[in-house]
Amino acid sequence: MSSGEGQTVNLDTLEPQQLAQVKKQLDEELEHLTSSFSQLHGAQGKFRECLRCVNSRSESSKNSNEVLVPLTNSLYVRGELTNTETVLVDIGTGFLVEKKLKSAANFYENKIKELTNSLKELEAIVQQKQMNVRTIEEVLRHKMMAQQPSQSQ
């Protein structure tokens, strides 16, 4: 079995307690990676929604300056845009940058592509870890079965 750092461990040389510990560690890593995958997927969804909003603003008529401004999650008020050609884009950690609609759309498209690539890489890592866990479970099962006959004698 090989881990992310390139270490190779012969599972046959480990005691059942050690195998159980390695399995526990891999399970914890899997839980963390799965959580990260979920968070990345959520961020990708938010960027897609932002892109949809920018695109809908680009497609709306130039005379349409009316918008709904969110005050809370469930309360909106009518507003009027003074500039329909630019938007404020959150580039991270609360920093806002004014961008033209096309530039904002490109920004969000690039973010979505980056997250898609990260999600693919993370999915491959998760699959490898899951395969490692199954391998450890199989070796542990064989060792436990081998110990049972020797204990009954």
N, C-alpha and C. Protein backbone atom coordinates (compact mmCIF):
# COMPACT_ATOMS: atom_id res chain seq x y z
N MET A 1 0.85 -1.18 0.00
CA MET A 1 0.00 0.00 0.00
C MET A 1 0.88 1.23 0.00
N SER A 2 0.53 2.23 -0.80
CA SER A 2 1.31 3.48 -0.81
C SER A 2 0.42 4.61 -0.34
N SER A 3 1.01 5.54 0.36
CA SER A 3 0.26 6.70 0.86
C SER A 3 0.60 7.91 0.02
N GLY A 4 -0.01 9.05 0.34
CA GLY A 4 0.18 10.27 -0.43
C GLY A 4 1.62 10.74 -0.49
N GLU A 5 2.42 10.45 0.56
CA GLU A 5 3.80 10.92 0.59
C GLU A 5 4.74 9.98 -0.16
N GLY A 6 4.22 8.89 -0.72
CA GLY A 6 5.07 7.98 -1.45
C GLY A 6 5.63 6.87 -0.59
N GLN A 7 5.24 6.78 0.67
CA GLN A 7 5.70 5.71 1.54
C GLN A 7 5.00 4.42 1.14
N THR A 8 5.74 3.31 1.24
CA THR A 8 5.16 2.01 0.96
C THR A 8 5.30 1.17 2.21
N VAL A 9 4.21 0.54 2.61
CA VAL A 9 4.20 -0.28 3.81
C VAL A 9 3.70 -1.67 3.41
N ASN A 10 4.44 -2.68 3.81
CA ASN A 10 4.00 -4.05 3.58
C ASN A 10 2.99 -4.39 4.67
N LEU A 11 1.74 -4.54 4.30
CA LEU A 11 0.68 -4.75 5.27
C LEU A 11 0.79 -6.10 5.96
N ASP A 12 1.42 -7.07 5.30
CA ASP A 12 1.55 -8.41 5.90
C ASP A 12 2.46 -8.40 7.12
N THR A 13 3.34 -7.41 7.24
CA THR A 13 4.27 -7.36 8.37
C THR A 13 3.66 -6.67 9.59
N LEU A 14 2.52 -6.03 9.42
CA LEU A 14 1.91 -5.30 10.53
C LEU A 14 1.01 -6.21 11.36
N GLU A 15 0.97 -5.93 12.64
CA GLU A 15 0.08 -6.63 13.56
C GLU A 15 -1.34 -6.09 13.37
N PRO A 16 -2.35 -6.89 13.76
CA PRO A 16 -3.74 -6.42 13.62
C PRO A 16 -4.01 -5.07 14.30
N GLN A 17 -3.39 -4.84 15.46
CA GLN A 17 -3.59 -3.56 16.15
C GLN A 17 -3.03 -2.41 15.31
N GLN A 18 -1.87 -2.64 14.69
CA GLN A 18 -1.28 -1.61 13.85
C GLN A 18 -2.14 -1.36 12.61
N LEU A 19 -2.66 -2.44 12.03
CA LEU A 19 -3.55 -2.29 10.87
C LEU A 19 -4.80 -1.49 11.23
N ALA A 20 -5.33 -1.78 12.40
CA ALA A 20 -6.53 -1.05 12.85
C ALA A 20 -6.21 0.43 13.02
N GLN A 21 -5.02 0.72 13.54
CA GLN A 21 -4.61 2.13 13.72
C GLN A 21 -4.45 2.82 12.36
N VAL A 22 -3.82 2.13 11.40
CA VAL A 22 -3.66 2.70 10.06
C VAL A 22 -5.01 2.94 9.42
N LYS A 23 -5.92 1.98 9.59
CA LYS A 23 -7.28 2.13 9.04
C LYS A 23 -7.98 3.32 9.66
N LYS A 24 -7.83 3.47 10.96
CA LYS A 24 -8.46 4.60 11.66
C LYS A 24 -7.92 5.92 11.11
N GLN A 25 -6.61 5.98 10.90
CA GLN A 25 -5.99 7.20 10.37
C GLN A 25 -6.51 7.49 8.96
N LEU A 26 -6.59 6.46 8.13
CA LEU A 26 -7.11 6.65 6.77
C LEU A 26 -8.57 7.07 6.78
N ASP A 27 -9.35 6.52 7.70
CA ASP A 27 -10.76 6.91 7.82
C ASP A 27 -10.88 8.39 8.17
N GLU A 28 -10.01 8.86 9.08
CA GLU A 28 -10.02 10.28 9.45
C GLU A 28 -9.63 11.16 8.26
N GLU A 29 -8.61 10.72 7.50
CA GLU A 29 -8.21 11.47 6.31
C GLU A 29 -9.34 11.51 5.30
N LEU A 30 -10.02 10.38 5.12
CA LEU A 30 -11.14 10.32 4.18
C LEU A 30 -12.26 11.27 4.60
N GLU A 31 -12.53 11.32 5.88
CA GLU A 31 -13.58 12.22 6.39
C GLU A 31 -13.21 13.67 6.09
N HIS A 32 -11.96 14.03 6.33
CA HIS A 32 -11.49 15.39 6.07
C HIS A 32 -11.55 15.71 4.58
N LEU A 33 -11.08 14.78 3.75
CA LEU A 33 -11.09 15.00 2.30
C LEU A 33 -12.51 15.11 1.76
N THR A 34 -13.40 14.30 2.29
CA THR A 34 -14.80 14.35 1.86
C THR A 34 -15.43 15.69 2.24
N SER A 35 -15.09 16.17 3.43
CA SER A 35 -15.58 17.48 3.85
C SER A 35 -15.03 18.58 2.94
N SER A 36 -13.75 18.50 2.61
CA SER A 36 -13.15 19.48 1.70
C SER A 36 -13.80 19.42 0.33
N PHE A 37 -14.09 18.22 -0.14
CA PHE A 37 -14.75 18.04 -1.43
C PHE A 37 -16.11 18.73 -1.42
N SER A 38 -16.84 18.54 -0.34
CA SER A 38 -18.16 19.16 -0.21
C SER A 38 -18.06 20.68 -0.20
N GLN A 39 -17.07 21.22 0.51
CA GLN A 39 -16.90 22.67 0.58
C GLN A 39 -16.51 23.24 -0.78
N LEU A 40 -15.62 22.55 -1.49
CA LEU A 40 -15.24 23.01 -2.83
C LEU A 40 -16.43 22.97 -3.78
N HIS A 41 -17.24 21.93 -3.65
CA HIS A 41 -18.42 21.82 -4.49
C HIS A 41 -19.39 22.97 -4.19
N GLY A 42 -19.53 23.32 -2.92
CA GLY A 42 -20.39 24.44 -2.54
C GLY A 42 -19.87 25.76 -3.09
N ALA A 43 -18.55 25.96 -3.02
CA ALA A 43 -17.95 27.18 -3.56
C ALA A 43 -18.15 27.25 -5.06
N GLN A 44 -18.02 26.11 -5.73
CA GLN A 44 -18.24 26.08 -7.17
C GLN A 44 -19.67 26.48 -7.50
N GLY A 45 -20.62 26.01 -6.71
CA GLY A 45 -22.02 26.37 -6.90
C GLY A 45 -22.25 27.87 -6.73
N LYS A 46 -21.58 28.46 -5.75
CA LYS A 46 -21.71 29.91 -5.53
C LYS A 46 -21.14 30.69 -6.71
N PHE A 47 -19.99 30.24 -7.23
CA PHE A 47 -19.41 30.92 -8.38
C PHE A 47 -20.31 30.78 -9.61
N ARG A 48 -20.93 29.63 -9.76
CA ARG A 48 -21.87 29.44 -10.88
C ARG A 48 -23.05 30.39 -10.75
N GLU A 49 -23.54 30.56 -9.54
CA GLU A 49 -24.66 31.48 -9.32
C GLU A 49 -24.23 32.92 -9.62
N CYS A 50 -23.03 33.28 -9.21
CA CYS A 50 -22.52 34.63 -9.52
C CYS A 50 -22.40 34.82 -11.03
N LEU A 51 -21.89 33.82 -11.73
CA LEU A 51 -21.77 33.89 -13.18
C LEU A 51 -23.15 34.04 -13.82
N ARG A 52 -24.12 33.29 -13.31
CA ARG A 52 -25.48 33.39 -13.82
C ARG A 52 -26.03 34.81 -13.64
N CYS A 53 -25.77 35.40 -12.49
CA CYS A 53 -26.24 36.76 -12.23
C CYS A 53 -25.57 37.77 -13.16
N VAL A 54 -24.26 37.63 -13.35
CA VAL A 54 -23.54 38.55 -14.24
C VAL A 54 -24.06 38.40 -15.67
N ASN A 55 -24.25 37.14 -16.10
CA ASN A 55 -24.75 36.92 -17.45
C ASN A 55 -26.17 37.45 -17.63
N SER A 56 -27.00 37.30 -16.60
CA SER A 56 -28.37 37.81 -16.72
C SER A 56 -28.36 39.33 -16.75
N ARG A 57 -27.42 39.94 -16.05
CA ARG A 57 -27.29 41.41 -16.09
C ARG A 57 -26.84 41.85 -17.48
N SER A 58 -25.95 41.08 -18.09
CA SER A 58 -25.46 41.41 -19.43
C SER A 58 -26.58 41.29 -20.47
N GLU A 59 -27.45 40.30 -20.28
CA GLU A 59 -28.50 40.03 -21.25
C GLU A 59 -29.72 40.92 -21.06
N SER A 60 -29.87 41.54 -19.90
CA SER A 60 -31.05 42.37 -19.66
C SER A 60 -30.94 43.65 -20.49
N SER A 61 -32.07 44.23 -20.71
CA SER A 61 -32.09 45.43 -21.55
C SER A 61 -31.34 46.57 -20.88
N LYS A 62 -30.74 47.41 -21.70
CA LYS A 62 -29.93 48.52 -21.17
C LYS A 62 -30.78 49.52 -20.38
N ASN A 63 -32.08 49.57 -20.66
CA ASN A 63 -32.96 50.51 -19.95
C ASN A 63 -33.42 49.96 -18.61
N SER A 64 -33.14 48.70 -18.33
CA SER A 64 -33.59 48.08 -17.09
C SER A 64 -32.58 48.34 -15.99
N ASN A 65 -32.86 49.31 -15.16
CA ASN A 65 -31.97 49.66 -14.06
C ASN A 65 -32.49 49.19 -12.71
N GLU A 66 -33.69 48.61 -12.69
CA GLU A 66 -34.29 48.19 -11.42
C GLU A 66 -33.73 46.84 -10.98
N VAL A 67 -33.43 46.75 -9.69
CA VAL A 67 -32.94 45.50 -9.09
C VAL A 67 -33.58 45.33 -7.73
N LEU A 68 -33.50 44.11 -7.22
CA LEU A 68 -33.89 43.85 -5.83
C LEU A 68 -32.61 43.74 -5.02
N VAL A 69 -32.54 44.50 -3.94
CA VAL A 69 -31.36 44.53 -3.09
C VAL A 69 -31.65 43.73 -1.82
N PRO A 70 -30.83 42.68 -1.55
CA PRO A 70 -31.08 41.88 -0.34
C PRO A 70 -30.63 42.62 0.92
N LEU A 71 -31.54 42.74 1.86
CA LEU A 71 -31.18 43.31 3.16
C LEU A 71 -30.85 42.19 4.14
N THR A 72 -31.61 41.10 4.05
CA THR A 72 -31.34 39.88 4.82
C THR A 72 -31.57 38.72 3.85
N ASN A 73 -31.50 37.50 4.37
CA ASN A 73 -31.73 36.33 3.51
C ASN A 73 -33.14 36.28 2.94
N SER A 74 -34.08 36.91 3.62
CA SER A 74 -35.46 36.82 3.17
C SER A 74 -36.11 38.18 2.93
N LEU A 75 -35.36 39.27 3.01
CA LEU A 75 -35.94 40.60 2.84
C LEU A 75 -35.20 41.36 1.75
N TYR A 76 -35.95 41.78 0.74
CA TYR A 76 -35.39 42.52 -0.39
C TYR A 76 -36.13 43.85 -0.54
N VAL A 77 -35.42 44.84 -1.04
CA VAL A 77 -36.05 46.13 -1.35
C VAL A 77 -35.70 46.49 -2.79
N ARG A 78 -36.56 47.29 -3.40
CA ARG A 78 -36.30 47.73 -4.77
C ARG A 78 -35.16 48.74 -4.77
N GLY A 79 -34.36 48.65 -5.80
CA GLY A 79 -33.26 49.59 -5.96
C GLY A 79 -33.09 49.93 -7.42
N GLU A 80 -32.27 50.94 -7.68
CA GLU A 80 -32.01 51.34 -9.05
C GLU A 80 -30.50 51.46 -9.24
N LEU A 81 -30.01 50.84 -10.31
CA LEU A 81 -28.59 50.88 -10.61
C LEU A 81 -28.24 52.20 -11.28
N THR A 82 -27.14 52.79 -10.84
CA THR A 82 -26.68 54.02 -11.49
C THR A 82 -25.71 53.68 -12.63
N ASN A 83 -25.05 52.53 -12.52
CA ASN A 83 -24.11 52.10 -13.56
C ASN A 83 -24.41 50.64 -13.88
N THR A 84 -24.85 50.37 -15.09
CA THR A 84 -25.22 49.00 -15.46
C THR A 84 -24.10 48.27 -16.19
N GLU A 85 -22.96 48.90 -16.36
CA GLU A 85 -21.86 48.29 -17.12
C GLU A 85 -20.82 47.62 -16.23
N THR A 86 -20.82 47.91 -14.93
CA THR A 86 -19.83 47.34 -14.03
C THR A 86 -20.51 46.69 -12.82
N VAL A 87 -19.77 45.79 -12.21
CA VAL A 87 -20.23 45.14 -10.98
C VAL A 87 -19.07 45.07 -10.00
N LEU A 88 -19.38 44.88 -8.73
CA LEU A 88 -18.35 44.66 -7.72
C LEU A 88 -18.17 43.16 -7.56
N VAL A 89 -16.93 42.71 -7.66
CA VAL A 89 -16.61 41.28 -7.56
C VAL A 89 -15.78 41.06 -6.31
N ASP A 90 -16.24 40.11 -5.48
CA ASP A 90 -15.49 39.73 -4.28
C ASP A 90 -14.37 38.80 -4.73
N ILE A 91 -13.13 39.26 -4.63
CA ILE A 91 -11.99 38.46 -5.10
C ILE A 91 -11.38 37.64 -3.96
N GLY A 92 -11.98 37.68 -2.81
CA GLY A 92 -11.52 36.88 -1.67
C GLY A 92 -11.22 37.74 -0.47
N THR A 93 -11.40 37.15 0.69
CA THR A 93 -11.18 37.79 2.00
C THR A 93 -11.82 39.16 2.10
N GLY A 94 -12.98 39.32 1.46
CA GLY A 94 -13.74 40.56 1.58
C GLY A 94 -13.28 41.70 0.71
N PHE A 95 -12.31 41.49 -0.16
CA PHE A 95 -11.86 42.55 -1.06
C PHE A 95 -12.75 42.58 -2.30
N LEU A 96 -13.27 43.76 -2.60
CA LEU A 96 -14.14 43.95 -3.76
C LEU A 96 -13.41 44.74 -4.82
N VAL A 97 -13.59 44.31 -6.07
CA VAL A 97 -12.97 44.98 -7.21
C VAL A 97 -14.08 45.30 -8.21
N GLU A 98 -14.06 46.52 -8.74
CA GLU A 98 -15.04 46.88 -9.75
C GLU A 98 -14.56 46.36 -11.10
N LYS A 99 -15.44 45.61 -11.78
CA LYS A 99 -15.09 45.03 -13.07
C LYS A 99 -16.22 45.25 -14.05
N LYS A 100 -15.85 45.31 -15.32
CA LYS A 100 -16.86 45.33 -16.39
C LYS A 100 -17.55 43.97 -16.38
N LEU A 101 -18.75 43.92 -16.94
CA LEU A 101 -19.53 42.67 -16.92
C LEU A 101 -18.78 41.52 -17.58
N LYS A 102 -18.16 41.78 -18.73
CA LYS A 102 -17.44 40.71 -19.44
C LYS A 102 -16.25 40.22 -18.61
N SER A 103 -15.52 41.14 -17.99
CA SER A 103 -14.37 40.78 -17.17
C SER A 103 -14.82 39.98 -15.94
N ALA A 104 -15.94 40.37 -15.35
CA ALA A 104 -16.48 39.64 -14.20
C ALA A 104 -16.89 38.23 -14.60
N ALA A 105 -17.52 38.11 -15.77
CA ALA A 105 -17.91 36.78 -16.25
C ALA A 105 -16.67 35.91 -16.47
N ASN A 106 -15.63 36.47 -17.05
CA ASN A 106 -14.38 35.72 -17.25
C ASN A 106 -13.77 35.30 -15.92
N PHE A 107 -13.81 36.20 -14.94
CA PHE A 107 -13.28 35.90 -13.61
C PHE A 107 -14.00 34.68 -13.02
N TYR A 108 -15.34 34.69 -13.07
CA TYR A 108 -16.11 33.59 -12.49
C TYR A 108 -15.94 32.30 -13.29
N GLU A 109 -15.83 32.40 -14.61
CA GLU A 109 -15.60 31.20 -15.44
C GLU A 109 -14.26 30.57 -15.07
N ASN A 110 -13.23 31.40 -14.89
CA ASN A 110 -11.91 30.88 -14.50
C ASN A 110 -11.96 30.22 -13.13
N LYS A 111 -12.66 30.84 -12.19
CA LYS A 111 -12.78 30.26 -10.85
C LYS A 111 -13.48 28.90 -10.91
N ILE A 112 -14.53 28.81 -11.73
CA ILE A 112 -15.26 27.55 -11.87
C ILE A 112 -14.36 26.49 -12.46
N LYS A 113 -13.54 26.85 -13.46
CA LYS A 113 -12.62 25.89 -14.07
C LYS A 113 -11.58 25.42 -13.05
N GLU A 114 -11.03 26.35 -12.28
CA GLU A 114 -10.04 25.99 -11.25
C GLU A 114 -10.64 25.01 -10.25
N LEU A 115 -11.85 25.31 -9.80
CA LEU A 115 -12.49 24.44 -8.82
C LEU A 115 -12.83 23.08 -9.42
N THR A 116 -13.22 23.07 -10.68
CA THR A 116 -13.51 21.79 -11.35
C THR A 116 -12.25 20.93 -11.38
N ASN A 117 -11.12 21.52 -11.73
CA ASN A 117 -9.85 20.77 -11.75
C ASN A 117 -9.48 20.29 -10.35
N SER A 118 -9.65 21.15 -9.36
CA SER A 118 -9.34 20.76 -7.98
C SER A 118 -10.24 19.62 -7.52
N LEU A 119 -11.51 19.69 -7.90
CA LEU A 119 -12.45 18.64 -7.51
C LEU A 119 -12.07 17.30 -8.16
N LYS A 120 -11.63 17.34 -9.42
CA LYS A 120 -11.21 16.10 -10.09
C LYS A 120 -10.00 15.50 -9.39
N GLU A 121 -9.01 16.36 -9.05
CA GLU A 121 -7.82 15.87 -8.35
C GLU A 121 -8.18 15.29 -6.99
N LEU A 122 -9.03 15.99 -6.28
CA LEU A 122 -9.43 15.55 -4.94
C LEU A 122 -10.22 14.25 -5.02
N GLU A 123 -11.04 14.12 -6.03
CA GLU A 123 -11.81 12.89 -6.20
C GLU A 123 -10.89 11.70 -6.43
N ALA A 124 -9.83 11.90 -7.22
CA ALA A 124 -8.86 10.83 -7.45
C ALA A 124 -8.16 10.43 -6.15
N ILE A 125 -7.82 11.42 -5.34
CA ILE A 125 -7.17 11.14 -4.05
C ILE A 125 -8.12 10.36 -3.14
N VAL A 126 -9.38 10.78 -3.09
CA VAL A 126 -10.37 10.10 -2.25
C VAL A 126 -10.53 8.65 -2.70
N GLN A 127 -10.61 8.43 -4.00
CA GLN A 127 -10.76 7.06 -4.51
C GLN A 127 -9.55 6.20 -4.12
N GLN A 128 -8.35 6.76 -4.20
CA GLN A 128 -7.14 6.02 -3.82
C GLN A 128 -7.18 5.68 -2.33
N LYS A 129 -7.57 6.65 -1.52
CA LYS A 129 -7.64 6.40 -0.07
C LYS A 129 -8.69 5.33 0.24
N GLN A 130 -9.83 5.37 -0.47
CA GLN A 130 -10.86 4.36 -0.25
C GLN A 130 -10.36 2.97 -0.64
N MET A 131 -9.59 2.91 -1.71
CA MET A 131 -9.01 1.64 -2.14
C MET A 131 -8.02 1.14 -1.07
N ASN A 132 -7.23 2.05 -0.50
CA ASN A 132 -6.29 1.68 0.56
C ASN A 132 -7.03 1.15 1.78
N VAL A 133 -8.14 1.79 2.14
CA VAL A 133 -8.92 1.34 3.29
C VAL A 133 -9.47 -0.06 3.03
N ARG A 134 -9.99 -0.31 1.84
CA ARG A 134 -10.51 -1.64 1.51
C ARG A 134 -9.41 -2.69 1.58
N THR A 135 -8.23 -2.33 1.10
CA THR A 135 -7.09 -3.27 1.15
C THR A 135 -6.73 -3.59 2.59
N ILE A 136 -6.67 -2.58 3.42
CA ILE A 136 -6.34 -2.79 4.83
C ILE A 136 -7.41 -3.64 5.51
N GLU A 137 -8.68 -3.37 5.21
CA GLU A 137 -9.76 -4.16 5.80
C GLU A 137 -9.63 -5.63 5.40
N GLU A 138 -9.29 -5.87 4.14
CA GLU A 138 -9.13 -7.25 3.66
C GLU A 138 -7.98 -7.95 4.37
N VAL A 139 -6.83 -7.29 4.47
CA VAL A 139 -5.67 -7.88 5.16
C VAL A 139 -6.00 -8.12 6.63
N LEU A 140 -6.66 -7.16 7.25
CA LEU A 140 -7.04 -7.29 8.66
C LEU A 140 -8.00 -8.47 8.85
N ARG A 141 -8.94 -8.62 7.94
CA ARG A 141 -9.89 -9.72 8.02
C ARG A 141 -9.15 -11.07 7.91
N HIS A 142 -8.21 -11.16 6.99
CA HIS A 142 -7.43 -12.40 6.83
C HIS A 142 -6.61 -12.69 8.08
N LYS A 143 -6.00 -11.67 8.66
CA LYS A 143 -5.18 -11.88 9.87
C LYS A 143 -6.06 -12.32 11.04
N MET A 144 -7.24 -11.72 11.15
CA MET A 144 -8.14 -12.11 12.25
C MET A 144 -8.62 -13.55 12.08
N MET A 145 -8.91 -13.92 10.82
CA MET A 145 -9.35 -15.30 10.56
C MET A 145 -8.21 -16.27 10.82
N ALA A 146 -6.98 -15.89 10.52
CA ALA A 146 -5.82 -16.76 10.76
C ALA A 146 -5.55 -16.91 12.25
N GLN A 147 -5.85 -15.89 13.04
CA GLN A 147 -5.63 -15.97 14.49
C GLN A 147 -6.66 -16.84 15.18
N GLN A 148 -7.89 -16.87 14.67
CA GLN A 148 -8.96 -17.63 15.33
C GLN A 148 -8.66 -19.11 15.44
N PRO A 149 -8.23 -19.78 14.37
CA PRO A 149 -7.94 -21.23 14.51
C PRO A 149 -6.80 -21.48 15.49
N SER A 150 -5.80 -20.63 15.52
CA SER A 150 -4.66 -20.84 16.43
C SER A 150 -5.08 -20.60 17.88
N GLN A 151 -6.05 -19.73 18.11
CA GLN A 151 -6.52 -19.48 19.48
C GLN A 151 -7.38 -20.62 19.98
N SER A 152 -8.16 -21.26 19.08
CA SER A 152 -9.04 -22.35 19.53
C SER A 152 -8.26 -23.61 19.85
N GLN A 153 -7.02 -23.73 19.34
CA GLN A 153 -6.20 -24.92 19.63
C GLN A 153 -5.52 -24.69 20.90
